[in-house]
Protein backbone atom coordinates (compact mmCIF):
# COMPACT_ATOMS: atom_id res chain seq x y z
CA MET A 1 -58.47 132.09 185.28
CA ILE A 2 -61.23 133.94 187.17
CA THR A 3 -61.47 132.65 191.06
CA ARG A 4 -64.83 130.99 192.42
CA SER A 5 -66.25 134.06 193.68
CA MET A 6 -66.21 135.67 190.49
CA VAL A 7 -68.29 132.85 188.23
CA PRO A 8 -71.80 134.21 189.24
CA GLU A 9 -71.39 137.37 188.44
CA TYR A 10 -69.11 136.22 185.10
CA LEU A 11 -72.34 134.04 184.10
CA LYS A 12 -74.50 136.84 184.64
CA TYR A 13 -72.88 138.93 181.94
CA ILE A 14 -71.59 136.39 179.35
CA LEU A 15 -74.60 133.61 179.28
CA PRO A 16 -77.31 136.23 178.38
CA THR A 17 -75.15 138.05 176.03
CA MET A 18 -73.97 134.47 174.19
CA LEU A 19 -77.41 133.54 173.63
CA THR A 20 -78.59 137.06 172.51
CA PHE A 21 -75.56 136.09 169.86
CA THR A 22 -76.51 133.05 169.26
CA MET A 23 -80.03 133.67 168.73
CA ALA A 24 -78.91 136.71 166.47
CA GLY A 25 -77.00 134.43 164.50
CA ILE A 26 -79.39 131.75 164.52
CA TYR A 27 -82.03 134.13 162.77
CA GLY A 28 -79.41 135.45 160.03
CA VAL A 29 -79.08 131.95 158.74
CA ILE A 30 -82.86 131.24 158.81
CA ASP A 31 -83.33 134.62 156.95
CA GLY A 32 -80.62 133.11 154.25
CA VAL A 33 -82.54 129.83 154.04
CA PHE A 34 -86.17 131.62 153.57
CA VAL A 35 -83.95 133.39 150.75
CA GLY A 36 -82.61 130.86 149.16
CA HIS A 37 -85.53 128.38 148.89
CA ALA A 38 -87.75 131.60 147.88
CA VAL A 39 -85.80 133.40 145.47
CA GLY A 40 -82.66 130.86 144.73
CA ASP A 41 -78.88 131.10 144.03
CA ALA A 42 -79.37 134.86 142.79
CA GLY A 43 -81.13 135.73 146.27
CA LEU A 44 -78.70 134.57 148.42
CA ALA A 45 -75.74 136.18 146.52
CA GLY A 46 -77.68 139.52 146.15
CA VAL A 47 -78.05 139.30 150.24
CA ASN A 48 -74.56 138.78 150.32
CA VAL A 49 -73.58 141.49 148.36
CA ALA A 50 -75.56 144.10 150.25
CA TYR A 51 -74.98 142.94 153.97
CA PRO A 52 -71.90 145.00 154.16
CA LEU A 53 -73.87 147.95 153.80
CA VAL A 54 -76.47 146.74 156.52
CA CYS A 55 -73.43 145.41 158.65
CA LEU A 56 -72.23 149.17 158.59
CA ILE A 57 -75.47 150.59 160.28
CA LEU A 58 -75.05 147.82 162.66
CA ALA A 59 -71.23 148.45 163.29
CA ALA A 60 -72.27 152.25 163.50
CA GLY A 61 -74.65 151.38 166.37
CA THR A 62 -72.30 148.97 167.95
CA GLY A 63 -69.00 151.70 167.62
CA LEU A 64 -71.17 154.19 169.29
CA GLY A 65 -72.91 152.12 172.13
CA MET A 66 -69.72 150.11 173.23
CA GLY A 67 -67.72 153.28 173.31
CA GLY A 68 -70.21 155.28 175.52
CA GLY A 69 -70.75 152.19 177.47
CA VAL A 70 -67.15 151.42 177.99
CA ILE A 71 -66.32 155.23 179.62
CA SER A 72 -69.61 154.97 181.55
CA SER A 73 -68.71 151.63 183.03
CA ILE A 74 -65.00 152.69 183.92
CA ALA A 75 -66.35 156.24 185.53
CA ARG A 76 -69.07 154.01 187.35
CA GLY A 77 -66.27 152.14 188.67
CA LYS A 78 -64.45 154.80 189.84
CA GLY A 79 -67.59 156.27 191.77
CA GLU A 80 -68.32 159.20 188.82
CA THR A 81 -72.25 158.34 188.89
CA GLU A 82 -73.28 161.78 187.64
CA ARG A 83 -70.47 161.62 184.85
CA SER A 84 -71.35 158.11 183.89
CA GLN A 85 -75.12 159.14 183.48
CA ARG A 86 -73.90 162.31 181.32
CA ILE A 87 -71.74 159.71 178.81
CA VAL A 88 -75.18 157.30 178.25
CA GLY A 89 -77.04 160.91 177.68
CA VAL A 90 -74.38 162.14 174.77
CA THR A 91 -73.84 158.38 173.54
CA LEU A 92 -77.88 158.64 172.80
CA PHE A 93 -77.42 161.69 171.06
CA MET A 94 -74.96 160.38 168.74
CA LEU A 95 -76.66 157.34 167.94
CA VAL A 96 -79.66 159.37 166.34
CA VAL A 97 -77.31 161.35 164.29
CA ALA A 98 -75.50 158.67 162.99
CA SER A 99 -78.73 157.36 161.75
CA ILE A 100 -79.46 160.27 159.35
CA PRO A 101 -76.88 159.72 156.57
CA ILE A 102 -77.06 156.38 156.75
CA LEU A 103 -80.55 156.36 155.80
CA VAL A 104 -80.12 159.42 153.24
CA LEU A 105 -76.99 157.45 151.29
CA TYR A 106 -78.53 154.00 151.43
CA SER A 107 -81.86 155.58 150.02
CA LEU A 108 -80.10 157.50 147.07
CA PHE A 109 -77.37 155.47 146.28
CA ALA A 110 -78.32 151.74 146.54
CA GLU A 111 -77.55 150.83 143.26
CA GLN A 112 -73.92 152.32 142.73
CA LEU A 113 -72.98 150.91 146.26
CA CYS A 114 -74.26 147.40 145.24
CA ARG A 115 -72.36 147.84 142.08
CA VAL A 116 -69.17 148.75 143.69
CA LEU A 117 -69.55 146.13 146.54
CA GLY A 118 -69.43 143.49 143.40
CA GLY A 119 -73.10 142.90 142.63
CA GLN A 120 -73.73 142.41 138.68
CA GLY A 121 -76.72 141.07 136.85
CA GLU A 122 -79.65 139.23 138.40
CA THR A 123 -77.41 139.60 142.08
CA LEU A 124 -77.43 143.25 141.57
CA SER A 125 -80.89 143.58 140.99
CA GLN A 126 -81.47 141.39 144.15
CA ALA A 127 -79.09 143.48 146.11
CA VAL A 128 -80.87 146.73 145.33
CA CYS A 129 -83.87 145.53 146.20
CA TYR A 130 -83.29 144.64 149.60
CA LEU A 131 -80.80 147.73 150.57
CA LYS A 132 -83.86 149.94 149.57
CA VAL A 133 -86.03 148.53 152.15
CA ILE A 134 -83.54 148.25 154.43
CA ALA A 135 -82.29 152.05 154.65
CA LEU A 136 -86.08 152.68 155.49
CA GLY A 137 -85.30 151.10 159.05
CA ALA A 138 -81.52 152.58 159.72
CA PRO A 139 -82.53 154.67 162.21
CA PHE A 140 -84.19 151.70 164.43
CA GLN A 141 -81.20 149.21 163.67
CA VAL A 142 -78.79 151.94 164.66
CA LEU A 143 -80.51 152.58 167.82
CA VAL A 144 -81.46 149.57 169.17
CA THR A 145 -78.14 148.11 168.32
CA GLY A 146 -76.33 151.03 170.01
CA CYS A 147 -78.68 151.00 173.15
CA THR A 148 -77.98 147.29 173.84
CA PRO A 149 -74.68 147.40 175.14
CA LEU A 150 -75.83 150.54 177.64
CA ILE A 151 -78.42 148.51 178.60
CA ARG A 152 -76.13 145.70 179.50
CA ASN A 153 -73.29 148.27 181.22
CA LYS A 154 -76.52 149.11 183.34
CA GLY A 155 -76.57 145.73 184.72
CA MET A 156 -79.59 144.78 183.16
CA VAL A 157 -78.49 142.07 180.96
CA ALA A 158 -81.44 139.91 181.06
CA PHE A 159 -83.43 142.75 179.38
CA ALA A 160 -81.36 143.23 176.64
CA MET A 161 -81.34 139.84 175.74
CA CYS A 162 -84.74 139.63 175.92
CA VAL A 163 -85.45 142.70 173.52
CA GLN A 164 -82.81 141.22 170.93
CA VAL A 165 -84.52 137.50 171.33
CA PHE A 166 -88.18 138.44 170.83
CA ALA A 167 -87.10 141.01 167.76
CA GLY A 168 -85.41 137.96 166.30
CA PHE A 169 -88.48 135.66 166.60
CA VAL A 170 -90.36 138.13 164.94
CA ASN A 171 -88.21 138.44 162.33
CA VAL A 172 -88.51 135.13 161.71
CA VAL A 173 -92.36 134.81 161.61
CA LEU A 174 -92.20 137.77 159.12
CA ASP A 175 -89.66 136.69 156.88
CA TYR A 176 -91.79 133.25 156.55
CA LEU A 177 -94.91 135.32 155.81
CA PHE A 178 -93.44 137.94 153.78
CA VAL A 179 -91.01 135.82 151.70
CA MET A 180 -92.87 132.06 151.56
CA VAL A 181 -96.31 132.78 152.10
CA TRP A 182 -96.84 136.20 150.29
CA GLY A 183 -94.25 135.86 147.94
CA ARG A 184 -91.94 139.24 148.37
CA GLY A 185 -88.60 137.76 147.72
CA THR A 186 -85.43 139.55 149.39
CA ALA A 187 -87.60 142.80 149.73
CA GLY A 188 -89.92 140.85 151.95
CA ALA A 189 -86.76 139.43 154.16
CA ALA A 190 -85.84 143.05 154.24
CA GLU A 191 -89.18 144.39 155.30
CA ALA A 192 -89.56 141.66 157.96
CA THR A 193 -85.81 142.97 159.59
CA VAL A 194 -87.33 146.44 159.40
CA VAL A 195 -90.24 145.58 161.19
CA SER A 196 -88.72 143.34 164.19
CA GLN A 197 -86.27 146.29 164.60
CA ALA A 198 -89.00 148.99 165.05
CA VAL A 199 -90.70 146.47 167.46
CA ALA A 200 -87.55 145.94 169.17
CA PHE A 201 -86.86 149.90 169.65
CA LEU A 202 -90.39 150.41 171.13
CA PHE A 203 -88.98 148.44 174.07
CA VAL A 204 -85.83 149.99 174.06
CA LEU A 205 -87.58 153.54 174.31
CA GLY A 206 -89.47 152.33 176.97
CA PHE A 207 -86.56 151.29 178.87
CA PHE A 208 -84.73 154.68 178.66
CA LEU A 209 -88.33 156.39 179.44
CA HIS A 210 -88.58 154.48 182.89
CA ARG A 211 -87.76 156.59 185.94
CA ASP A 212 -84.79 154.92 186.88
CA ASN A 213 -83.40 155.11 183.69
CA ARG A 214 -84.51 158.18 182.45
CA VAL A 215 -81.79 160.38 181.21
CA PRO A 216 -82.33 164.33 181.82
CA LEU A 217 -82.90 166.35 178.82
CA ARG A 218 -79.32 168.14 179.93
CA ASP A 219 -77.37 165.18 179.99
CA LEU A 220 -78.77 164.55 176.07
CA LEU A 221 -77.12 167.51 174.74
CA PRO A 222 -73.78 166.78 173.10
CA ASP A 223 -70.04 167.45 174.73
CA GLY A 224 -67.27 167.86 172.77
CA SER A 225 -64.45 166.05 174.80
CA ILE A 226 -67.11 163.08 175.18
CA CYS A 227 -68.28 163.00 171.98
CA ALA A 228 -64.51 162.55 170.91
CA HIS A 229 -63.54 159.99 173.64
CA ILE A 230 -66.68 157.80 172.32
CA LEU A 231 -65.67 158.13 168.61
CA LYS A 232 -62.05 157.05 169.59
CA LEU A 233 -62.47 154.05 171.74
CA GLY A 234 -65.76 153.22 169.56
CA ALA A 235 -63.44 152.86 166.32
CA ALA A 236 -62.39 149.41 167.17
CA PRO A 237 -65.87 147.84 168.11
CA PHE A 238 -67.17 149.95 165.13
CA GLY A 239 -64.21 147.86 163.07
CA LEU A 240 -64.43 144.70 164.75
CA THR A 241 -68.27 144.63 163.72
CA LEU A 242 -67.56 145.82 160.05
CA LEU A 243 -64.77 143.18 159.58
CA PRO A 244 -66.19 140.46 158.59
CA GLU A 245 -67.89 142.35 155.96
CA VAL A 246 -64.85 143.83 154.72
CA SER A 247 -63.95 140.31 154.31
CA THR A 248 -67.28 139.61 152.29
CA VAL A 249 -66.34 142.71 150.05
CA VAL A 250 -62.87 141.44 149.27
CA ASN A 251 -63.81 137.74 148.53
CA ASN A 252 -66.88 138.81 146.82
CA ILE A 253 -64.65 140.84 144.19
CA SER A 254 -62.06 138.02 144.09
CA LEU A 255 -64.63 135.18 144.11
CA SER A 256 -66.39 136.79 141.23
CA TYR A 257 -63.35 137.71 139.32
CA TYR A 258 -61.79 133.95 139.67
CA GLY A 259 -65.00 131.96 140.03
CA GLY A 260 -68.14 133.88 138.82
CA GLU A 261 -71.42 133.38 140.41
CA THR A 262 -71.18 129.94 141.30
CA ALA A 263 -68.41 130.85 143.67
CA LEU A 264 -70.36 133.71 144.49
CA ALA A 265 -73.30 132.17 145.59
CA ALA A 266 -71.46 129.11 147.17
CA TYR A 267 -69.44 132.10 149.11
CA ALA A 268 -73.11 133.91 150.37
CA VAL A 269 -73.90 130.50 152.19
CA ILE A 270 -70.51 130.22 153.66
CA ALA A 271 -70.67 133.79 155.04
CA TYR A 272 -74.04 133.17 156.59
CA VAL A 273 -72.91 130.36 158.67
CA ALA A 274 -69.25 131.90 159.29
CA PHE A 275 -71.37 134.97 160.83
CA PHE A 276 -73.23 132.60 163.06
CA VAL A 277 -69.64 131.02 164.52
CA GLN A 278 -67.77 134.72 164.53
CA ILE A 279 -70.44 136.16 166.49
CA MET A 280 -70.25 133.50 168.75
CA ILE A 281 -67.09 133.85 169.44
CA GLN A 282 -67.69 137.71 169.64
CA SER A 283 -70.11 137.36 172.35
CA VAL A 284 -67.32 136.16 174.97
CA GLY A 285 -65.23 139.56 174.59
CA ASP A 286 -68.40 141.72 174.30
CA GLY A 287 -70.42 139.92 177.14
CA SER A 288 -67.63 140.04 179.98
CA GLN A 289 -67.16 144.03 178.98
CA PRO A 290 -68.93 145.66 181.25
CA LEU A 291 -67.28 143.60 184.19
CA ILE A 292 -63.68 144.39 182.48
CA SER A 293 -64.27 147.99 182.33
CA VAL A 294 -65.57 148.28 185.65
CA TYR A 295 -63.06 146.56 187.66
CA ARG A 296 -60.48 148.68 185.24
CA GLY A 297 -62.38 151.86 186.61
CA ALA A 298 -61.87 150.63 190.06
CA GLY A 299 -57.90 149.44 189.52
CA ASP A 300 -58.28 146.19 190.34
CA ALA A 301 -56.00 144.71 187.71
CA ASP A 302 -55.84 141.34 188.73
CA ALA A 303 -59.45 140.93 188.36
CA VAL A 304 -58.90 142.15 184.78
CA ARG A 305 -55.99 139.80 184.32
CA ARG A 306 -58.81 136.92 185.12
CA LEU A 307 -61.30 137.86 183.24
CA ARG A 308 -59.46 138.18 179.85
CA ASN A 309 -57.36 134.80 180.52
CA THR A 310 -60.58 133.12 180.80
CA ASN A 311 -61.95 134.90 178.10
CA TYR A 312 -59.44 133.40 175.74
CA LEU A 313 -60.13 129.74 177.16
CA VAL A 314 -63.77 129.94 176.31
CA ALA A 315 -63.56 131.95 172.77
CA ILE A 316 -60.70 129.13 171.52
CA ALA A 317 -62.48 126.35 172.81
CA PHE A 318 -65.62 127.84 170.69
CA GLY A 319 -63.10 127.73 167.99
CA PHE A 320 -62.22 124.45 167.84
CA VAL A 321 -66.04 123.53 168.04
CA GLY A 322 -66.88 125.60 165.46
CA LEU A 323 -64.54 124.14 162.89
CA GLY A 324 -65.90 120.62 164.49
CA ILE A 325 -69.56 121.41 163.73
CA MET A 326 -68.82 122.87 160.49
CA PHE A 327 -66.70 119.65 159.04
CA ALA A 328 -69.93 117.81 160.11
CA VAL A 329 -72.18 119.97 158.38
CA ARG A 330 -70.45 120.59 155.51
CA ASN A 331 -72.99 118.04 153.22
CA ALA A 332 -76.34 119.26 154.87
CA ILE A 333 -75.64 122.96 155.04
CA PRO A 334 -75.97 123.31 151.12
CA LEU A 335 -79.63 121.52 151.39
CA LEU A 336 -80.46 123.80 154.32
CA PHE A 337 -80.00 126.78 151.89
CA GLY A 338 -81.76 125.37 148.81
CA ALA A 339 -78.46 125.74 146.66
CA SER A 340 -78.67 124.53 143.20
CA ASP A 341 -76.79 121.32 142.43
CA ILE A 342 -73.74 122.62 140.79
CA VAL A 343 -73.10 125.04 144.09
CA LYS A 344 -73.63 122.23 146.48
CA PRO A 345 -70.27 120.62 146.02
CA VAL A 346 -68.60 123.65 146.26
CA ILE A 347 -70.05 124.67 149.55
CA ALA A 348 -69.24 121.20 150.93
CA TYR A 349 -65.30 121.38 150.14
CA ALA A 350 -65.19 125.33 151.07
CA LEU A 351 -66.90 125.30 154.23
CA PRO A 352 -64.57 123.22 156.61
CA VAL A 353 -61.29 125.20 154.96
CA PHE A 354 -62.81 128.03 155.37
CA SER A 355 -63.60 127.21 159.10
CA ILE A 356 -59.90 126.71 159.86
CA CYS A 357 -59.63 130.14 161.15
CA TYR A 358 -62.23 129.86 163.83
CA ILE A 359 -58.99 128.29 165.63
CA PHE A 360 -57.08 131.56 165.84
CA TYR A 361 -60.10 134.08 165.55
CA GLY A 362 -60.95 133.35 169.31
CA PHE A 363 -57.53 134.54 170.55
CA THR A 364 -57.48 137.38 168.02
CA HIS A 365 -60.83 139.23 168.39
CA THR A 366 -60.99 138.38 172.29
CA THR A 367 -57.77 140.52 172.63
CA THR A 368 -59.28 143.34 170.70
CA SER A 369 -62.20 143.07 172.75
CA TYR A 370 -60.37 143.19 175.85
CA PHE A 371 -58.08 146.55 174.39
CA TYR A 372 -61.36 148.62 174.31
CA ALA A 373 -62.76 147.34 177.55
CA VAL A 374 -59.96 148.71 179.66
CA ASP A 375 -59.75 151.54 177.31
CA ASP A 376 -56.52 151.07 175.42
CA SER A 377 -57.90 152.52 171.70
CA ARG A 378 -54.38 152.38 170.58
CA SER A 379 -54.12 148.97 170.39
CA SER A 380 -57.39 148.02 169.63
CA ASN A 381 -57.71 150.34 166.83
CA THR A 382 -54.43 148.85 165.55
CA LEU A 383 -55.62 145.18 165.21
CA VAL A 384 -58.46 146.45 163.65
CA ILE A 385 -56.41 148.60 161.27
CA ALA A 386 -54.20 145.86 160.80
CA GLU A 387 -56.73 143.09 160.11
CA ALA A 388 -58.61 145.71 157.42
CA ILE A 389 -55.02 145.99 155.69
CA ILE A 390 -54.08 142.14 155.61
CA VAL A 391 -57.45 141.04 154.48
CA CYS A 392 -56.84 142.91 151.58
CA VAL A 393 -53.41 141.89 150.79
CA VAL A 394 -53.93 137.95 151.98
CA VAL A 395 -56.98 137.31 149.49
CA PHE A 396 -55.06 139.43 146.96
CA ILE A 397 -52.06 137.14 146.87
CA MET A 398 -53.54 134.11 148.04
CA GLY A 399 -56.31 134.34 144.72
CA LEU A 400 -53.41 135.43 142.34
CA LEU A 401 -51.12 132.23 143.45
CA PHE A 402 -53.88 129.67 144.13
CA GLN A 403 -57.65 131.03 142.73
CA VAL A 404 -60.71 129.89 144.29
CA ASP A 405 -58.79 127.29 146.33
CA GLY A 406 -56.40 130.04 147.78
CA ILE A 407 -59.39 132.35 148.69
CA TRP A 408 -61.22 129.58 150.73
CA PHE A 409 -57.98 129.30 152.52
CA SER A 410 -57.14 133.10 153.04
CA PRO A 411 -59.08 133.51 156.47
CA THR A 412 -56.96 131.23 158.21
CA VAL A 413 -53.76 132.72 156.84
CA LEU A 414 -54.89 135.97 157.71
CA GLN A 415 -55.81 135.47 161.54
CA MET A 416 -52.28 133.33 161.99
CA LEU A 417 -51.09 136.95 161.03
CA LEU A 418 -52.88 138.73 163.12
CA CYS A 419 -52.18 136.29 166.04
CA ILE A 420 -48.71 137.81 165.63
CA ILE A 421 -49.92 141.34 165.90
CA ALA A 422 -52.07 140.74 169.13
CA GLY A 423 -49.50 138.81 171.08
CA THR A 424 -46.75 141.57 170.33
CA LEU A 425 -49.33 144.28 171.57
CA LEU A 426 -50.48 142.05 174.46
CA TYR A 427 -46.72 141.68 175.59
CA ARG A 428 -46.11 145.49 175.05
CA ARG A 429 -48.92 146.29 177.57
CA HIS A 430 -47.70 143.87 180.15
CA LYS A 431 -44.24 145.30 180.15
CA ALA A 432 -45.43 148.76 180.31
CA GLN A 433 -47.47 148.14 183.06
CA LYS A 434 -44.41 146.62 185.19
CA GLU A 435 -42.38 149.56 184.16
């Protein structure tokens, strides 16, 4: 556990990040509530089908931003101020470059992509409608998401929080206007997201244009070694952001086969709620990352260990709380999202079953965050790749053996297996450090 003297610094980073992630989760749920009531089951299912592609945008920004943020923080911990600034500049360049192919790909191939992800019938139409609008705002989302870790790593955690919270508030207001008042359906929900991200981008742009944070033009030029390091280290946070959506894709395809549109609509609601709990747990690791990285750069192994163990305690506690809340509100959630009568009992049964995984999720994902915070890309990437592979195997086997019921239990089986892998990697790292 962290010492008493470390508590104020820990809270300075962890609380604003947790609040940011919490608000993002709430705004995401509200987004689904509006679509569910205005469009119905098909709208919810359509957004759920398209959302893995939206999450790819967020993952690209998060991966590059976290990769650059970790490396720059470690350099700052070593006292290498100029190199730290250079890394920030290269990261900004990479964020701009990464947004362009996403914009083009989503604009031209929205229907084909959504069909591959399990969309069919009216669900496919709603998904394509949603994604084509989201594509227009992809550059804003990549830049805002990627710059947030850079701003946090500069110590401006409260500013990063305010930008995200304000953007979320704008998104909710516009959701109500576009979806409920003006009846623009799933397209309106996407339009609200694009506008809110454009507003957030203006704040981020203002931050980096300020004289205290301005990056010289020479530092914005690409550097091969820095780019490679950012990509190598950023692979884990990229994958970690995308993993819930990998699960969504696999589950969508399996549920579509075994349970049809009723199971898909139920899972759409469960995925919205699960996202809220998952990002709350993820906020623990990401919130403390700047501290862990700086202490790692300064060579303070004891502080790093204390921060990691504190993160475990907080994240696992969130997992238990999340499970308890999902069990308590299992009958209210379908009403909140405007689910049809045939879908309501499926959600009420599956939500608490699905949520058992949160108990283990806190350990596995906090461990991954710890690994990339200390620049151990091999271990963090191993965990991410293992989860991506195992989820496909587990869902396939559980669906084959137990059909829809097996798919609801598969996240817990997955996280239990990952706990074994994460524990093994931690043991090996600890053993290597002692030798």
